Amino acid sequence: MARIITLCNQKGGVGKSTSSTNLAAFLAALGQKVLLVDFDPQANATSGMGLNSKRIEISVYHALIGKADVKEAIRKTGILGVDILPATPALAGAGVELVDMPRREYKLKEALEQVRKGYDFIVIDSPPSLGLLTINALVAAQKIIIPSQCEYYALEGLADLLHTIRLINANLKTRVGVMGALLTMYDRKSRLHRAVAKEIKRKFPGYVFETVIPRNISLAEAPSYGKTILHYDPYSHGAKAYRRLAEEILRIEEIRVA
């Protein structure tokens, strides 16, 4: 049964989609079969994998509201070992359509249960909000990764999100755990970044990954070519960081790589 990991942060522009696509690519490079779920109406993970969201007829939206079987929506990517459940802008309307549905918070979880046996990992890229779509992404997960920029507002956002996860576990009877905060866009030359990183590790001990994702031009460029950093610039600092992240996650999950 696949381990399900959701990358979540209510703030936008913190590297959720970049981290989702690259984590999926490097987990596959380390021998894991991965399903990447784009659960953001902006469909950045979909385009980052080289798919045009405007040409997709069946997407995660249709699986979510019961208009199609989830297996019909899954697509192959250009990366061996990585499939994608793509998003389209239509997903933006799902939040409204779900409101009157029974078990509305569990729709994504129920859809993924149908395909979970076929993968080692399912990686979910959630939207930058705390609405019904994000709650679905959290409820579906076993573990949460919180990408966080090294700025002081990140401290407040982390605390809020951890509180939200505790509320979801209490009210929806789930057992979602926090794998860790992932520091992104880190500039080691910046005094502010060093100070914030130190403060996050101090305030949230045990909740911060050892791996830090640097600010890297290749990471910014890769999505515009529909590629992950593994295929765009595999020897860049960004690529090395995401490989370390994938290896760290496999260690946490106690999975040996051959």
Protein backbone atom coordinates (compact mmCIF):
# COMPACT_ATOMS: atom_id res chain seq x y z
CA MET A 1 0.00 0.00 0.00
CA ALA A 2 1.36 3.40 -1.00
CA ARG A 3 2.52 5.86 1.60
CA ILE A 4 0.53 9.05 1.00
CA ILE A 5 2.33 12.38 1.54
CA THR A 6 0.69 15.80 1.11
CA LEU A 7 2.76 18.95 0.62
CA CYS A 8 0.80 21.74 2.21
CA ASN A 9 1.12 25.38 3.17
CA GLN A 10 -1.65 27.98 3.16
CA LYS A 11 0.82 30.50 1.75
CA GLY A 12 1.51 30.59 -1.97
CA GLY A 13 4.92 30.84 -3.60
CA VAL A 14 6.75 28.68 -1.05
CA GLY A 15 7.78 25.90 -3.43
CA LYS A 16 4.96 23.36 -3.01
CA SER A 17 4.63 22.44 -6.69
CA THR A 18 8.38 22.55 -7.28
CA SER A 19 8.92 20.27 -4.29
CA SER A 20 6.07 17.92 -5.26
CA THR A 21 7.27 17.33 -8.82
CA ASN A 22 10.93 17.00 -7.91
CA LEU A 23 10.28 14.78 -4.91
CA ALA A 24 8.21 12.46 -7.13
CA ALA A 25 11.01 12.38 -9.73
CA PHE A 26 13.76 11.55 -7.24
CA LEU A 27 11.70 8.96 -5.36
CA ALA A 28 11.23 7.25 -8.73
CA ALA A 29 14.95 7.57 -9.47
CA LEU A 30 15.55 5.71 -6.20
CA GLY A 31 13.38 2.83 -7.33
CA GLN A 32 9.92 3.83 -6.04
CA LYS A 33 6.69 3.74 -8.06
CA VAL A 34 5.06 7.16 -7.55
CA LEU A 35 1.69 8.75 -8.27
CA LEU A 36 1.81 12.55 -8.27
CA VAL A 37 -1.59 14.11 -7.52
CA ASP A 38 -2.01 17.72 -8.66
CA PHE A 39 -4.74 19.03 -6.37
CA ASP A 40 -4.22 22.73 -7.09
CA PRO A 41 -6.54 24.43 -9.67
CA GLN A 42 -3.51 26.38 -10.92
CA ALA A 43 -2.23 23.01 -12.23
CA ASN A 44 1.44 23.94 -11.78
CA ALA A 45 2.51 20.37 -11.04
CA THR A 46 0.69 19.22 -14.18
CA SER A 47 2.46 21.73 -16.43
CA GLY A 48 5.72 21.08 -14.57
CA MET A 49 5.48 17.48 -15.74
CA GLY A 50 5.08 18.58 -19.35
CA LEU A 51 1.28 18.23 -19.66
CA ASN A 52 -1.04 20.93 -20.98
CA SER A 53 -3.90 21.25 -18.47
CA LYS A 54 -6.16 22.83 -21.14
CA ARG A 55 -6.01 19.66 -23.24
CA ILE A 56 -6.85 17.24 -20.44
CA GLU A 57 -10.39 15.89 -20.70
CA ILE A 58 -10.51 13.75 -17.54
CA SER A 59 -8.73 15.06 -14.45
CA VAL A 60 -8.67 14.80 -10.67
CA TYR A 61 -11.76 17.04 -10.67
CA HIS A 62 -13.86 14.36 -12.38
CA ALA A 63 -12.59 11.66 -10.02
CA LEU A 64 -13.28 13.87 -7.00
CA ILE A 65 -16.92 14.59 -7.74
CA GLY A 66 -17.68 11.12 -9.08
CA LYS A 67 -17.96 11.91 -12.79
CA ALA A 68 -15.18 9.47 -13.71
CA ASP A 69 -13.19 6.60 -12.26
CA VAL A 70 -9.85 7.72 -10.86
CA LYS A 71 -8.05 5.16 -13.04
CA GLU A 72 -9.39 6.91 -16.14
CA ALA A 73 -7.81 10.20 -15.06
CA ILE A 74 -4.28 8.93 -14.32
CA ARG A 75 -1.72 9.72 -17.02
CA LYS A 76 1.82 8.58 -17.70
CA THR A 77 4.57 11.18 -17.48
CA GLY A 78 7.87 11.30 -19.32
CA ILE A 79 9.56 10.00 -16.17
CA LEU A 80 9.90 6.26 -15.65
CA GLY A 81 8.10 5.30 -12.46
CA VAL A 82 5.99 8.46 -12.15
CA ASP A 83 2.29 8.70 -13.06
CA ILE A 84 0.19 11.81 -12.56
CA LEU A 85 -3.39 12.51 -11.58
CA PRO A 86 -3.55 15.89 -13.33
CA ALA A 87 -5.46 19.04 -12.47
CA THR A 88 -7.30 21.51 -14.66
CA PRO A 89 -8.80 24.93 -13.82
CA ALA A 90 -12.18 23.15 -13.42
CA LEU A 91 -10.94 21.98 -10.01
CA ALA A 92 -11.55 25.51 -8.70
CA GLY A 93 -15.30 24.84 -8.79
CA ALA A 94 -15.06 21.57 -6.89
CA GLY A 95 -14.92 23.35 -3.54
CA VAL A 96 -18.45 24.64 -4.12
CA GLU A 97 -19.77 21.35 -5.54
CA LEU A 98 -18.44 19.38 -2.56
CA VAL A 99 -20.26 21.48 0.04
CA ASP A 100 -23.56 19.56 -0.11
CA MET A 101 -22.03 16.13 -0.64
CA PRO A 102 -21.97 13.52 2.15
CA ARG A 103 -18.47 12.79 3.51
CA ARG A 104 -17.22 15.77 1.54
CA GLU A 105 -13.88 15.87 3.38
CA TYR A 106 -13.08 12.27 2.40
CA LYS A 107 -13.64 12.39 -1.39
CA LEU A 108 -9.96 12.47 -2.38
CA LYS A 109 -9.08 9.79 0.18
CA GLU A 110 -11.81 7.51 -1.17
CA ALA A 111 -10.67 8.05 -4.77
CA LEU A 112 -7.03 7.29 -3.99
CA GLU A 113 -7.90 4.11 -2.08
CA GLN A 114 -8.87 2.59 -5.45
CA VAL A 115 -5.30 2.91 -6.82
CA ARG A 116 -3.19 2.88 -3.67
CA LYS A 117 -2.02 -0.72 -4.10
CA GLY A 118 -0.35 0.12 -7.40
CA TYR A 119 2.22 2.57 -5.96
CA ASP A 120 4.92 2.89 -3.32
CA PHE A 121 4.26 6.60 -2.78
CA ILE A 122 1.44 9.01 -3.57
CA VAL A 123 2.56 12.66 -3.44
CA ILE A 124 -0.19 15.30 -3.29
CA ASP A 125 0.38 18.95 -4.25
CA SER A 126 -2.29 20.94 -2.38
CA PRO A 127 -3.65 24.44 -3.10
CA PRO A 128 -2.38 27.54 -1.22
CA SER A 129 -5.40 27.88 1.07
CA LEU A 130 -7.16 26.17 3.96
CA GLY A 131 -10.42 25.50 2.11
CA LEU A 132 -12.28 22.27 1.42
CA LEU A 133 -9.83 21.12 -1.25
CA THR A 134 -6.90 21.44 1.15
CA ILE A 135 -8.84 19.64 3.88
CA ASN A 136 -9.40 16.78 1.40
CA ALA A 137 -5.66 16.72 0.67
CA LEU A 138 -4.85 16.62 4.40
CA VAL A 139 -7.44 13.94 5.23
CA ALA A 140 -6.14 11.74 2.38
CA ALA A 141 -2.57 11.85 3.71
CA GLN A 142 -0.69 9.81 6.25
CA LYS A 143 2.10 12.38 6.53
CA ILE A 144 2.39 16.11 5.78
CA ILE A 145 5.41 17.99 4.45
CA ILE A 146 5.25 21.77 4.96
CA PRO A 147 7.43 23.71 2.48
CA SER A 148 8.41 26.98 4.17
CA GLN A 149 10.36 29.98 2.94
CA CYS A 150 12.96 31.37 5.30
CA GLU A 151 11.03 34.47 6.34
CA TYR A 152 9.47 35.42 9.65
CA TYR A 153 5.89 34.96 8.47
CA ALA A 154 6.77 31.29 7.98
CA LEU A 155 6.89 30.81 11.75
CA GLU A 156 3.32 32.00 12.14
CA GLY A 157 2.14 29.96 9.16
CA LEU A 158 3.74 26.79 10.53
CA ALA A 159 2.06 27.17 13.89
CA ASP A 160 -1.33 27.79 12.25
CA LEU A 161 -1.01 24.75 10.00
CA LEU A 162 0.04 22.45 12.84
CA HIS A 163 -3.02 23.66 14.77
CA THR A 164 -5.24 22.96 11.75
CA ILE A 165 -3.87 19.42 11.46
CA ARG A 166 -4.60 18.81 15.17
CA LEU A 167 -8.19 20.03 14.64
CA ILE A 168 -8.65 17.78 11.60
CA ASN A 169 -7.39 14.76 13.53
CA ALA A 170 -9.69 15.54 16.45
CA ASN A 171 -12.84 16.37 14.49
CA LEU A 172 -12.58 14.00 11.51
CA LYS A 173 -11.05 11.08 13.44
CA THR A 174 -7.98 10.95 11.18
CA ARG A 175 -4.38 10.15 12.12
CA VAL A 176 -2.45 12.56 9.93
CA GLY A 177 1.15 13.05 11.07
CA VAL A 178 3.65 15.79 10.28
CA MET A 179 6.78 14.47 8.59
CA GLY A 180 8.43 17.86 8.76
CA ALA A 181 8.86 21.43 7.60
CA LEU A 182 11.00 21.77 4.48
CA LEU A 183 13.02 24.98 4.27
CA THR A 184 12.95 26.24 0.67
CA MET A 185 14.55 29.03 -1.37
CA TYR A 186 17.33 29.22 1.21
CA ASP A 187 20.21 31.62 0.67
CA ARG A 188 23.04 30.74 3.05
CA LYS A 189 24.59 34.18 2.48
CA SER A 190 21.49 35.89 3.87
CA ARG A 191 21.65 36.71 7.57
CA LEU A 192 17.84 36.77 7.67
CA HIS A 193 17.54 33.28 6.15
CA ARG A 194 20.09 31.86 8.59
CA ALA A 195 18.30 33.46 11.54
CA VAL A 196 14.84 32.26 10.47
CA ALA A 197 16.09 28.72 9.78
CA LYS A 198 17.64 28.61 13.26
CA GLU A 199 14.45 29.93 14.86
CA ILE A 200 12.22 27.41 13.03
CA LYS A 201 14.43 24.54 14.19
CA ARG A 202 14.36 25.90 17.75
CA LYS A 203 10.59 26.39 17.90
CA PHE A 204 9.64 23.17 16.11
CA PRO A 205 12.22 20.59 17.21
CA GLY A 206 11.77 17.28 15.45
CA TYR A 207 9.56 18.86 12.80
CA VAL A 208 12.23 20.19 10.41
CA PHE A 209 14.00 18.25 7.66
CA GLU A 210 17.78 18.14 7.69
CA THR A 211 17.68 18.78 3.94
CA VAL A 212 17.40 22.44 2.94
CA ILE A 213 16.39 23.47 -0.60
CA PRO A 214 18.60 26.33 -1.85
CA ARG A 215 17.58 29.26 -3.98
CA ASN A 216 18.65 28.00 -7.41
CA ILE A 217 18.08 29.44 -10.88
CA SER A 218 17.78 25.99 -12.46
CA LEU A 219 14.89 25.12 -10.12
CA ALA A 220 13.09 28.28 -11.27
CA GLU A 221 13.75 27.58 -14.96
CA ALA A 222 12.89 23.87 -15.13
CA PRO A 223 9.05 24.16 -14.97
CA SER A 224 8.98 26.49 -17.98
CA TYR A 225 10.41 23.59 -20.00
CA GLY A 226 7.94 21.09 -18.53
CA LYS A 227 10.77 19.27 -16.78
CA THR A 228 11.82 18.39 -13.27
CA ILE A 229 15.26 19.45 -12.08
CA LEU A 230 16.39 15.82 -12.46
CA HIS A 231 16.00 16.09 -16.23
CA TYR A 232 16.70 19.79 -16.69
CA ASP A 233 19.93 20.18 -14.68
CA PRO A 234 20.73 16.99 -12.73
CA TYR A 235 24.07 18.27 -11.40
CA SER A 236 22.74 21.56 -10.02
CA HIS A 237 22.60 22.38 -6.31
CA GLY A 238 18.80 22.16 -6.51
CA ALA A 239 18.90 18.65 -7.95
CA LYS A 240 21.34 17.47 -5.29
CA ALA A 241 19.10 18.92 -2.57
CA TYR A 242 15.96 17.13 -3.82
CA ARG A 243 17.88 13.87 -4.09
CA ARG A 244 18.92 14.28 -0.44
CA LEU A 245 15.30 15.01 0.47
CA ALA A 246 14.08 11.82 -1.24
CA GLU A 247 16.81 9.83 0.52
CA GLU A 248 15.88 11.39 3.87
CA ILE A 249 12.21 10.48 3.39
CA LEU A 250 13.13 6.89 2.56
CA ARG A 251 15.21 6.75 5.76
CA ILE A 252 12.30 8.15 7.80
CA GLU A 253 9.97 5.56 6.25
CA GLU A 254 12.63 2.87 6.82
CA ILE A 255 12.81 1.89 3.16
CA ARG A 256 16.10 0.51 1.94
CA VAL A 257 17.30 1.50 -1.52
CA ALA A 258 18.99 -1.26 -3.50
